[in-house]
Structures are given as C-alpha cells and as structure tokens.
C-alpha cells in the first residue's frame, strides 16, 4: 500500500464502490398471501399430574384474650415456613388484629 492515499481511494477502501442509483432495482414488496388451513378439532390429551412439592408447615398455638388476666381462648395458626421465629411472628401479627393480649404456647412442625 502506498502511504499517500487520496480521499477518494480511502472512501472506496472503507465503503466500497458506490453503485449509481440507476442500477439499483427496486423490487416492489409483495404481501405473501397467508394460507389458511381449516381448523382441526382439538384432541384432549391426558395431562400428567405434577406431584405437589412439600411445603414446610408449622403449627403455632396461641392463647389470646382481650382482658388482662381474664378469659383466654386457644387459637391455632398454620404458617408456611421452616423458621419458628417467622411462624411465631406471623401468628402473633394475625392474632393482634382481633385480640389485645397474645401469648405463644407452642410452635410444632406438622
């Protein structure tokens, strides 16, 4: 290559030789006609039943009431978690909506 290229030679090297507009043939775009096939009846297939995955559950037993040192009721809350702390917090939060005094009795796995 020669170190001194003209501007036109550089353009041809980078972009190629320009094609005159007269030589460009525009082909009109044709919309292909979609072939519509008649609808076929849907054949029901037997669906495989997916085995339910094991969801860990904890049973939280609470003693709840609205009077201090008064009548209490036992309430059971089921939580979908492995964490006893989260299950306990979830149960207390649910019980506080209805009762003023809440005491956790036990947290057991189901």
C-alpha atoms as a PDB file:
ATOM      1  CA  UNK A   1       0.000   0.000   0.000  1.00  0.00           C
ATOM      2  CA  UNK A   2       1.137   3.427  -0.682  1.00  0.00           C
ATOM      3  CA  UNK A   3       1.350   5.713   2.322  1.00  0.00           C
ATOM      4  CA  UNK A   4      -0.303   8.564   0.448  1.00  0.00           C
ATOM      5  CA  UNK A   5      -3.857   7.681  -0.484  1.00  0.00           C
ATOM      6  CA  UNK A   6      -6.262  10.154  -1.897  1.00  0.00           C
ATOM      7  CA  UNK A   7      -9.530  10.872  -0.169  1.00  0.00           C
ATOM      8  CA  UNK A   8     -11.441   9.049  -2.900  1.00  0.00           C
ATOM      9  CA  UNK A   9      -9.277   5.915  -2.525  1.00  0.00           C
ATOM     10  CA  UNK A  10      -9.839   5.924   1.242  1.00  0.00           C
ATOM     11  CA  UNK A  11     -13.609   6.158   0.744  1.00  0.00           C
ATOM     12  CA  UNK A  12     -13.543   3.269  -1.700  1.00  0.00           C
ATOM     13  CA  UNK A  13     -11.466   1.192   0.720  1.00  0.00           C
ATOM     14  CA  UNK A  14     -13.820   1.868   3.609  1.00  0.00           C
ATOM     15  CA  UNK A  15     -17.225   1.926   1.967  1.00  0.00           C
ATOM     16  CA  UNK A  16     -16.714   0.163  -1.342  1.00  0.00           C
ATOM     17  CA  UNK A  17     -17.508   1.440  -4.772  1.00  0.00           C
ATOM     18  CA  UNK A  18     -20.756   3.415  -4.792  1.00  0.00           C
ATOM     19  CA  UNK A  19     -23.468   1.983  -7.012  1.00  0.00           C
ATOM     20  CA  UNK A  20     -25.244   4.573  -9.143  1.00  0.00           C
ATOM     21  CA  UNK A  21     -28.914   4.990  -8.342  1.00  0.00           C
ATOM     22  CA  UNK A  22     -29.874   3.987 -11.857  1.00  0.00           C
ATOM     23  CA  UNK A  23     -28.537   0.474 -11.338  1.00  0.00           C
ATOM     24  CA  UNK A  24     -30.479  -0.083  -8.124  1.00  0.00           C
ATOM     25  CA  UNK A  25     -33.602  -2.002  -8.996  1.00  0.00           C
ATOM     26  CA  UNK A  26     -36.428  -1.567  -6.539  1.00  0.00           C
ATOM     27  CA  UNK A  27     -38.485  -4.711  -6.193  1.00  0.00           C
ATOM     28  CA  UNK A  28     -41.981  -3.885  -5.005  1.00  0.00           C
ATOM     29  CA  UNK A  29     -42.769  -5.535  -1.712  1.00  0.00           C
ATOM     30  CA  UNK A  30     -45.382  -8.220  -2.101  1.00  0.00           C
ATOM     31  CA  UNK A  31     -47.520  -9.357   0.758  1.00  0.00           C
ATOM     32  CA  UNK A  32     -47.459 -13.129   0.750  1.00  0.00           C
ATOM     33  CA  UNK A  33     -50.973 -14.489   0.916  1.00  0.00           C
ATOM     34  CA  UNK A  34     -51.225 -16.498   4.131  1.00  0.00           C
ATOM     35  CA  UNK A  35     -52.524 -19.956   3.561  1.00  0.00           C
ATOM     36  CA  UNK A  36     -55.395 -20.589   5.891  1.00  0.00           C
ATOM     37  CA  UNK A  37     -55.880 -24.206   6.771  1.00  0.00           C
ATOM     38  CA  UNK A  38     -59.221 -25.438   8.070  1.00  0.00           C
ATOM     39  CA  UNK A  39     -59.403 -25.607  11.828  1.00  0.00           C
ATOM     40  CA  UNK A  40     -58.708 -29.046  13.195  1.00  0.00           C
ATOM     41  CA  UNK A  41     -60.548 -30.277  16.271  1.00  0.00           C
ATOM     42  CA  UNK A  42     -58.563 -30.112  19.453  1.00  0.00           C
ATOM     43  CA  UNK A  43     -57.767 -33.554  20.773  1.00  0.00           C
ATOM     44  CA  UNK A  44     -57.709 -33.576  24.569  1.00  0.00           C
ATOM     45  CA  UNK A  45     -54.502 -35.066  25.872  1.00  0.00           C
ATOM     46  CA  UNK A  46     -54.026 -36.623  29.247  1.00  0.00           C
ATOM     47  CA  UNK A  47     -52.246 -34.192  31.470  1.00  0.00           C
ATOM     48  CA  UNK A  48     -49.680 -35.595  33.792  1.00  0.00           C
ATOM     49  CA  UNK A  49     -50.398 -34.649  37.338  1.00  0.00           C
ATOM     50  CA  UNK A  50     -47.487 -32.823  38.833  1.00  0.00           C
ATOM     51  CA  UNK A  51     -46.597 -34.082  42.266  1.00  0.00           C
ATOM     52  CA  UNK A  52     -47.095 -31.355  44.813  1.00  0.00           C
ATOM     53  CA  UNK A  53     -43.861 -30.216  46.283  1.00  0.00           C
ATOM     54  CA  UNK A  54     -43.556 -30.443  50.016  1.00  0.00           C
ATOM     55  CA  UNK A  55     -44.263 -27.135  51.681  1.00  0.00           C
ATOM     56  CA  UNK A  56     -42.962 -26.923  55.204  1.00  0.00           C
ATOM     57  CA  UNK A  57     -45.671 -26.012  57.668  1.00  0.00           C
ATOM     58  CA  UNK A  58     -45.547 -25.115  61.322  1.00  0.00           C
ATOM     59  CA  UNK A  59     -48.495 -25.083  63.702  1.00  0.00           C
ATOM     60  CA  UNK A  60     -48.400 -22.243  66.229  1.00  0.00           C
ATOM     61  CA  UNK A  61     -50.667 -22.475  69.267  1.00  0.00           C
ATOM     62  CA  UNK A  62     -51.559 -19.156  70.892  1.00  0.00           C
ATOM     63  CA  UNK A  63     -53.502 -18.149  73.972  1.00  0.00           C
ATOM     64  CA  UNK A  64     -55.408 -14.953  73.210  1.00  0.00           C
ATOM     65  CA  UNK A  65     -57.783 -12.644  75.019  1.00  0.00           C
ATOM     66  CA  UNK A  66     -58.995  -9.065  75.285  1.00  0.00           C
ATOM     67  CA  UNK A  67     -58.885  -8.743  79.097  1.00  0.00           C
ATOM     68  CA  UNK A  68     -55.713  -8.712  81.185  1.00  0.00           C
ATOM     69  CA  UNK A  69     -55.638 -11.887  83.287  1.00  0.00           C
ATOM     70  CA  UNK A  70     -59.182 -12.554  82.119  1.00  0.00           C
ATOM     71  CA  UNK A  71     -60.788 -15.185  79.943  1.00  0.00           C
ATOM     72  CA  UNK A  72     -58.481 -16.549  77.233  1.00  0.00           C
ATOM     73  CA  UNK A  73     -59.048 -18.650  74.163  1.00  0.00           C
ATOM     74  CA  UNK A  74     -56.716 -21.018  72.371  1.00  0.00           C
ATOM     75  CA  UNK A  75     -56.005 -20.187  68.748  1.00  0.00           C
ATOM     76  CA  UNK A  76     -54.065 -22.241  66.172  1.00  0.00           C
ATOM     77  CA  UNK A  77     -52.219 -20.625  63.264  1.00  0.00           C
ATOM     78  CA  UNK A  78     -50.573 -22.554  60.399  1.00  0.00           C
ATOM     79  CA  UNK A  79     -47.505 -20.954  58.806  1.00  0.00           C
ATOM     80  CA  UNK A  80     -45.815 -21.983  55.537  1.00  0.00           C
ATOM     81  CA  UNK A  81     -42.221 -21.633  56.669  1.00  0.00           C
ATOM     82  CA  UNK A  82     -39.417 -23.573  58.294  1.00  0.00           C
ATOM     83  CA  UNK A  83     -38.422 -20.750  60.611  1.00  0.00           C
ATOM     84  CA  UNK A  84     -40.086 -20.989  64.013  1.00  0.00           C
ATOM     85  CA  UNK A  85     -39.358 -17.316  64.647  1.00  0.00           C
ATOM     86  CA  UNK A  86     -41.094 -16.217  61.433  1.00  0.00           C
ATOM     87  CA  UNK A  87     -44.019 -18.540  62.119  1.00  0.00           C
ATOM     88  CA  UNK A  88     -44.376 -17.128  65.627  1.00  0.00           C
ATOM     89  CA  UNK A  89     -44.216 -13.522  64.408  1.00  0.00           C
ATOM     90  CA  UNK A  90     -46.735 -14.222  61.658  1.00  0.00           C
ATOM     91  CA  UNK A  91     -49.151 -15.844  64.125  1.00  0.00           C
ATOM     92  CA  UNK A  92     -48.848 -13.024  66.662  1.00  0.00           C
ATOM     93  CA  UNK A  93     -49.394 -10.429  63.938  1.00  0.00           C
ATOM     94  CA  UNK A  94     -52.556 -12.223  62.770  1.00  0.00           C
ATOM     95  CA  UNK A  95     -53.865 -12.599  66.340  1.00  0.00           C
ATOM     96  CA  UNK A  96     -53.214  -8.922  67.220  1.00  0.00           C
ATOM     97  CA  UNK A  97     -55.774  -7.892  64.614  1.00  0.00           C
ATOM     98  CA  UNK A  98     -58.558  -9.298  66.771  1.00  0.00           C
ATOM     99  CA  UNK A  99     -57.135  -9.748  70.282  1.00  0.00           C
ATOM    100  CA  UNK A 100     -55.236  -7.412  72.589  1.00  0.00           C
ATOM    101  CA  UNK A 101     -53.259  -9.930  74.635  1.00  0.00           C
ATOM    102  CA  UNK A 102     -51.403 -12.722  72.827  1.00  0.00           C
ATOM    103  CA  UNK A 103     -49.205 -15.429  74.343  1.00  0.00           C
ATOM    104  CA  UNK A 104     -47.387 -18.086  72.343  1.00  0.00           C
ATOM    105  CA  UNK A 105     -47.912 -21.551  73.783  1.00  0.00           C
ATOM    106  CA  UNK A 106     -46.064 -23.763  71.303  1.00  0.00           C
ATOM    107  CA  UNK A 107     -44.628 -23.998  67.779  1.00  0.00           C
ATOM    108  CA  UNK A 108     -44.720 -27.508  66.272  1.00  0.00           C
ATOM    109  CA  UNK A 109     -43.932 -28.985  62.886  1.00  0.00           C
ATOM    110  CA  UNK A 110     -46.874 -30.512  61.015  1.00  0.00           C
END
